[in-house]
Amino acid sequence: MNIANPIGCDQQNKTTSSPTSKEKAQALLGILGLWGMHTLNFSLIESLLYPVTQKKNNF
């Protein structure tokens, strides 16, 4: 571990990777929703992710 990257590149890539399925996108939206009330203009971010989780759309 070094001061510039305390988490480590491997762990950081695991925790910040993009969702690879519809279920993972839904889980991400659920977690982010908790922080949404504390984030300015969160609805703009959410509006980009939400359509991916709809049944009619393929991931």
PDB file of N, CA and C in Angstrom:
ATOM      1  N   MET A   1       0.851  -1.169   0.000  1.00  0.00           N
ATOM      2  CA  MET A   1       0.000   0.000   0.000  1.00  0.00           C
ATOM      3  C   MET A   1       0.900   1.236   0.000  1.00  0.00           C
ATOM      4  N   ASN A   2       0.545   2.206  -0.838  1.00  0.00           N
ATOM      5  CA  ASN A   2       1.285   3.460  -0.809  1.00  0.00           C
ATOM      6  C   ASN A   2       0.327   4.619  -0.572  1.00  0.00           C
ATOM      7  N   ILE A   3       0.873   5.768  -0.315  1.00  0.00           N
ATOM      8  CA  ILE A   3       0.053   6.926   0.041  1.00  0.00           C
ATOM      9  C   ILE A   3      -0.788   7.404  -1.137  1.00  0.00           C
ATOM     10  N   ALA A   4      -0.246   7.314  -2.347  1.00  0.00           N
ATOM     11  CA  ALA A   4      -0.968   7.805  -3.519  1.00  0.00           C
ATOM     12  C   ALA A   4      -2.167   6.934  -3.856  1.00  0.00           C
ATOM     13  N   ASN A   5      -2.107   5.653  -3.560  1.00  0.00           N
ATOM     14  CA  ASN A   5      -3.186   4.731  -3.887  1.00  0.00           C
ATOM     15  C   ASN A   5      -3.405   3.789  -2.704  1.00  0.00           C
ATOM     16  N   PRO A   6      -4.072   4.237  -1.648  1.00  0.00           N
ATOM     17  CA  PRO A   6      -4.187   3.423  -0.436  1.00  0.00           C
ATOM     18  C   PRO A   6      -4.999   2.147  -0.605  1.00  0.00           C
ATOM     19  N   ILE A   7      -5.944   2.117  -1.524  1.00  0.00           N
ATOM     20  CA  ILE A   7      -6.768   0.924  -1.699  1.00  0.00           C
ATOM     21  C   ILE A   7      -6.030  -0.125  -2.513  1.00  0.00           C
ATOM     22  N   GLY A   8      -5.288   0.279  -3.507  1.00  0.00           N
ATOM     23  CA  GLY A   8      -4.630  -0.645  -4.411  1.00  0.00           C
ATOM     24  C   GLY A   8      -5.419  -0.738  -5.703  1.00  0.00           C
ATOM     25  N   CYS A   9      -4.734  -0.821  -6.805  1.00  0.00           N
ATOM     26  CA  CYS A   9      -5.388  -0.799  -8.117  1.00  0.00           C
ATOM     27  C   CYS A   9      -6.354  -1.959  -8.311  1.00  0.00           C
ATOM     28  N   ASP A  10      -5.962  -3.156  -7.897  1.00  0.00           N
ATOM     29  CA  ASP A  10      -6.824  -4.317  -8.113  1.00  0.00           C
ATOM     30  C   ASP A  10      -8.144  -4.179  -7.369  1.00  0.00           C
ATOM     31  N   GLN A  11      -8.094  -3.814  -6.116  1.00  0.00           N
ATOM     32  CA  GLN A  11      -9.311  -3.661  -5.324  1.00  0.00           C
ATOM     33  C   GLN A  11     -10.154  -2.511  -5.843  1.00  0.00           C
ATOM     34  N   GLN A  12      -9.515  -1.436  -6.253  1.00  0.00           N
ATOM     35  CA  GLN A  12     -10.239  -0.280  -6.759  1.00  0.00           C
ATOM     36  C   GLN A  12     -10.974  -0.636  -8.049  1.00  0.00           C
ATOM     37  N   ASN A  13     -10.363  -1.407  -8.926  1.00  0.00           N
ATOM     38  CA  ASN A  13     -11.018  -1.816 -10.163  1.00  0.00           C
ATOM     39  C   ASN A  13     -12.213  -2.717  -9.890  1.00  0.00           C
ATOM     40  N   LYS A  14     -12.139  -3.564  -8.885  1.00  0.00           N
ATOM     41  CA  LYS A  14     -13.262  -4.428  -8.533  1.00  0.00           C
ATOM     42  C   LYS A  14     -14.447  -3.622  -8.029  1.00  0.00           C
ATOM     43  N   THR A  15     -14.188  -2.622  -7.223  1.00  0.00           N
ATOM     44  CA  THR A  15     -15.281  -1.874  -6.610  1.00  0.00           C
ATOM     45  C   THR A  15     -15.860  -0.805  -7.514  1.00  0.00           C
ATOM     46  N   THR A  16     -15.157  -0.398  -8.552  1.00  0.00           N
ATOM     47  CA  THR A  16     -15.652   0.664  -9.424  1.00  0.00           C
ATOM     48  C   THR A  16     -15.963   0.175 -10.826  1.00  0.00           C
ATOM     49  N   SER A  17     -16.043  -1.134 -11.030  1.00  0.00           N
ATOM     50  CA  SER A  17     -16.340  -1.643 -12.363  1.00  0.00           C
ATOM     51  C   SER A  17     -17.808  -1.395 -12.710  1.00  0.00           C
ATOM     52  N   SER A  18     -18.086  -1.319 -13.995  1.00  0.00           N
ATOM     53  CA  SER A  18     -19.445  -1.076 -14.473  1.00  0.00           C
ATOM     54  C   SER A  18     -20.308  -2.308 -14.261  1.00  0.00           C
ATOM     55  N   PRO A  19     -21.613  -2.123 -14.072  1.00  0.00           N
ATOM     56  CA  PRO A  19     -22.496  -3.282 -13.929  1.00  0.00           C
ATOM     57  C   PRO A  19     -22.520  -4.089 -15.222  1.00  0.00           C
ATOM     58  N   THR A  20     -22.526  -5.406 -15.095  1.00  0.00           N
ATOM     59  CA  THR A  20     -22.485  -6.276 -16.270  1.00  0.00           C
ATOM     60  C   THR A  20     -23.802  -6.996 -16.517  1.00  0.00           C
ATOM     61  N   SER A  21     -24.805  -6.741 -15.715  1.00  0.00           N
ATOM     62  CA  SER A  21     -26.116  -7.347 -15.927  1.00  0.00           C
ATOM     63  C   SER A  21     -27.196  -6.382 -15.454  1.00  0.00           C
ATOM     64  N   LYS A  22     -28.415  -6.683 -15.842  1.00  0.00           N
ATOM     65  CA  LYS A  22     -29.543  -5.847 -15.439  1.00  0.00           C
ATOM     66  C   LYS A  22     -29.713  -5.855 -13.923  1.00  0.00           C
ATOM     67  N   GLU A  23     -29.509  -7.013 -13.307  1.00  0.00           N
ATOM     68  CA  GLU A  23     -29.648  -7.126 -11.854  1.00  0.00           C
ATOM     69  C   GLU A  23     -28.597  -6.289 -11.126  1.00  0.00           C
ATOM     70  N   LYS A  24     -27.375  -6.282 -11.652  1.00  0.00           N
ATOM     71  CA  LYS A  24     -26.323  -5.481 -11.024  1.00  0.00           C
ATOM     72  C   LYS A  24     -26.604  -3.993 -11.192  1.00  0.00           C
ATOM     73  N   ALA A  25     -27.181  -3.608 -12.327  1.00  0.00           N
ATOM     74  CA  ALA A  25     -27.552  -2.204 -12.535  1.00  0.00           C
ATOM     75  C   ALA A  25     -28.651  -1.799 -11.553  1.00  0.00           C
ATOM     76  N   GLN A  26     -29.615  -2.700 -11.315  1.00  0.00           N
ATOM     77  CA  GLN A  26     -30.674  -2.416 -10.348  1.00  0.00           C
ATOM     78  C   GLN A  26     -30.099  -2.280  -8.941  1.00  0.00           C
ATOM     79  N   ALA A  27     -29.169  -3.152  -8.598  1.00  0.00           N
ATOM     80  CA  ALA A  27     -28.540  -3.079  -7.278  1.00  0.00           C
ATOM     81  C   ALA A  27     -27.764  -1.774  -7.121  1.00  0.00           C
ATOM     82  N   LEU A  28     -27.071  -1.374  -8.173  1.00  0.00           N
ATOM     83  CA  LEU A  28     -26.325  -0.116  -8.133  1.00  0.00           C
ATOM     84  C   LEU A  28     -27.263   1.069  -7.939  1.00  0.00           C
ATOM     85  N   LEU A  29     -28.383   1.068  -8.644  1.00  0.00           N
ATOM     86  CA  LEU A  29     -29.355   2.152  -8.478  1.00  0.00           C
ATOM     87  C   LEU A  29     -29.917   2.177  -7.060  1.00  0.00           C
ATOM     88  N   GLY A  30     -30.120   1.004  -6.483  1.00  0.00           N
ATOM     89  CA  GLY A  30     -30.612   0.939  -5.109  1.00  0.00           C
ATOM     90  C   GLY A  30     -29.636   1.547  -4.120  1.00  0.00           C
ATOM     91  N   ILE A  31     -28.370   1.209  -4.278  1.00  0.00           N
ATOM     92  CA  ILE A  31     -27.344   1.756  -3.389  1.00  0.00           C
ATOM     93  C   ILE A  31     -27.194   3.256  -3.610  1.00  0.00           C
ATOM     94  N   LEU A  32     -27.159   3.667  -4.868  1.00  0.00           N
ATOM     95  CA  LEU A  32     -27.001   5.092  -5.164  1.00  0.00           C
ATOM     96  C   LEU A  32     -28.214   5.898  -4.727  1.00  0.00           C
ATOM     97  N   GLY A  33     -29.376   5.262  -4.723  1.00  0.00           N
ATOM     98  CA  GLY A  33     -30.587   5.952  -4.299  1.00  0.00           C
ATOM     99  C   GLY A  33     -30.509   6.445  -2.866  1.00  0.00           C
ATOM    100  N   LEU A  34     -29.800   5.706  -2.028  1.00  0.00           N
ATOM    101  CA  LEU A  34     -29.615   6.137  -0.641  1.00  0.00           C
ATOM    102  C   LEU A  34     -28.818   7.436  -0.568  1.00  0.00           C
ATOM    103  N   TRP A  35     -27.871   7.593  -1.478  1.00  0.00           N
ATOM    104  CA  TRP A  35     -27.047   8.798  -1.504  1.00  0.00           C
ATOM    105  C   TRP A  35     -27.672   9.892  -2.348  1.00  0.00           C
ATOM    106  N   GLY A  36     -28.704   9.565  -3.091  1.00  0.00           N
ATOM    107  CA  GLY A  36     -29.324  10.529  -3.991  1.00  0.00           C
ATOM    108  C   GLY A  36     -29.861  11.763  -3.308  1.00  0.00           C
ATOM    109  N   MET A  37     -30.367  11.589  -2.098  1.00  0.00           N
ATOM    110  CA  MET A  37     -30.915  12.749  -1.392  1.00  0.00           C
ATOM    111  C   MET A  37     -29.823  13.713  -0.939  1.00  0.00           C
ATOM    112  N   HIS A  38     -28.577  13.262  -0.968  1.00  0.00           N
ATOM    113  CA  HIS A  38     -27.460  14.105  -0.554  1.00  0.00           C
ATOM    114  C   HIS A  38     -26.641  14.611  -1.744  1.00  0.00           C
ATOM    115  N   THR A  39     -27.052  14.252  -2.958  1.00  0.00           N
ATOM    116  CA  THR A  39     -26.282  14.590  -4.151  1.00  0.00           C
ATOM    117  C   THR A  39     -27.061  15.567  -5.011  1.00  0.00           C
ATOM    118  N   LEU A  40     -26.444  16.672  -5.332  1.00  0.00           N
ATOM    119  CA  LEU A  40     -27.065  17.682  -6.171  1.00  0.00           C
ATOM    120  C   LEU A  40     -27.268  17.131  -7.583  1.00  0.00           C
ATOM    121  N   ASN A  41     -28.451  17.296  -8.131  1.00  0.00           N
ATOM    122  CA  ASN A  41     -28.806  16.856  -9.487  1.00  0.00           C
ATOM    123  C   ASN A  41     -28.632  15.347  -9.687  1.00  0.00           C
ATOM    124  N   PHE A  42     -28.899  14.573  -8.658  1.00  0.00           N
ATOM    125  CA  PHE A  42     -28.769  13.120  -8.766  1.00  0.00           C
ATOM    126  C   PHE A  42     -29.711  12.547  -9.812  1.00  0.00           C
ATOM    127  N   SER A  43     -30.848  13.178 -10.009  1.00  0.00           N
ATOM    128  CA  SER A  43     -31.817  12.667 -10.980  1.00  0.00           C
ATOM    129  C   SER A  43     -31.236  12.632 -12.389  1.00  0.00           C
ATOM    130  N   LEU A  44     -30.289  13.499 -12.695  1.00  0.00           N
ATOM    131  CA  LEU A  44     -29.645  13.469 -14.009  1.00  0.00           C
ATOM    132  C   LEU A  44     -28.812  12.205 -14.187  1.00  0.00           C
ATOM    133  N   ILE A  45     -28.119  11.811 -13.143  1.00  0.00           N
ATOM    134  CA  ILE A  45     -27.319  10.587 -13.190  1.00  0.00           C
ATOM    135  C   ILE A  45     -28.233   9.372 -13.255  1.00  0.00           C
ATOM    136  N   GLU A  46     -29.251   9.378 -12.421  1.00  0.00           N
ATOM    137  CA  GLU A  46     -30.174   8.251 -12.350  1.00  0.00           C
ATOM    138  C   GLU A  46     -30.934   8.067 -13.657  1.00  0.00           C
ATOM    139  N   SER A  47     -31.258   9.169 -14.319  1.00  0.00           N
ATOM    140  CA  SER A  47     -32.026   9.078 -15.565  1.00  0.00           C
ATOM    141  C   SER A  47     -31.245   8.376 -16.668  1.00  0.00           C
ATOM    142  N   LEU A  48     -29.928   8.345 -16.572  1.00  0.00           N
ATOM    143  CA  LEU A  48     -29.120   7.631 -17.555  1.00  0.00           C
ATOM    144  C   LEU A  48     -29.091   6.130 -17.288  1.00  0.00           C
ATOM    145  N   LEU A  49     -29.161   5.739 -16.024  1.00  0.00           N
ATOM    146  CA  LEU A  49     -29.079   4.324 -15.657  1.00  0.00           C
ATOM    147  C   LEU A  49     -30.431   3.623 -15.636  1.00  0.00           C
ATOM    148  N   TYR A  50     -31.482   4.337 -15.310  1.00  0.00           N
ATOM    149  CA  TYR A  50     -32.788   3.716 -15.122  1.00  0.00           C
ATOM    150  C   TYR A  50     -33.307   2.985 -16.360  1.00  0.00           C
ATOM    151  N   PRO A  51     -33.226   3.542 -17.576  1.00  0.00           N
ATOM    152  CA  PRO A  51     -33.764   2.830 -18.744  1.00  0.00           C
ATOM    153  C   PRO A  51     -33.130   1.461 -18.976  1.00  0.00           C
ATOM    154  N   VAL A  52     -31.907   1.274 -18.549  1.00  0.00           N
ATOM    155  CA  VAL A  52     -31.229  -0.015 -18.715  1.00  0.00           C
ATOM    156  C   VAL A  52     -31.941  -1.113 -17.948  1.00  0.00           C
ATOM    157  N   THR A  53     -32.569  -0.774 -16.836  1.00  0.00           N
ATOM    158  CA  THR A  53     -33.175  -1.779 -15.968  1.00  0.00           C
ATOM    159  C   THR A  53     -34.598  -2.147 -16.371  1.00  0.00           C
ATOM    160  N   GLN A  54     -35.162  -1.458 -17.334  1.00  0.00           N
ATOM    161  CA  GLN A  54     -36.533  -1.754 -17.728  1.00  0.00           C
ATOM    162  C   GLN A  54     -36.605  -3.077 -18.483  1.00  0.00           C
ATOM    163  N   LYS A  55     -37.719  -3.758 -18.333  1.00  0.00           N
ATOM    164  CA  LYS A  55     -37.892  -5.093 -18.880  1.00  0.00           C
ATOM    165  C   LYS A  55     -37.768  -5.129 -20.403  1.00  0.00           C
ATOM    166  N   LYS A  56     -38.272  -4.105 -21.081  1.00  0.00           N
ATOM    167  CA  LYS A  56     -38.281  -4.113 -22.547  1.00  0.00           C
ATOM    168  C   LYS A  56     -36.896  -3.911 -23.161  1.00  0.00           C
ATOM    169  N   ASN A  57     -35.935  -3.455 -22.384  1.00  0.00           N
ATOM    170  CA  ASN A  57     -34.589  -3.193 -22.899  1.00  0.00           C
ATOM    171  C   ASN A  57     -33.646  -4.339 -22.584  1.00  0.00           C
ATOM    172  N   ASN A  58     -32.817  -4.675 -23.550  1.00  0.00           N
ATOM    173  CA  ASN A  58     -31.773  -5.673 -23.326  1.00  0.00           C
ATOM    174  C   ASN A  58     -30.543  -4.972 -22.783  1.00  0.00           C
ATOM    175  N   PHE A  59     -29.847  -5.648 -21.902  1.00  0.00           N
ATOM    176  CA  PHE A  59     -28.662  -5.044 -21.310  1.00  0.00           C
ATOM    177  C   PHE A  59     -27.511  -5.187 -22.262  1.00  0.00           C
TER     178      PHE A  59
END
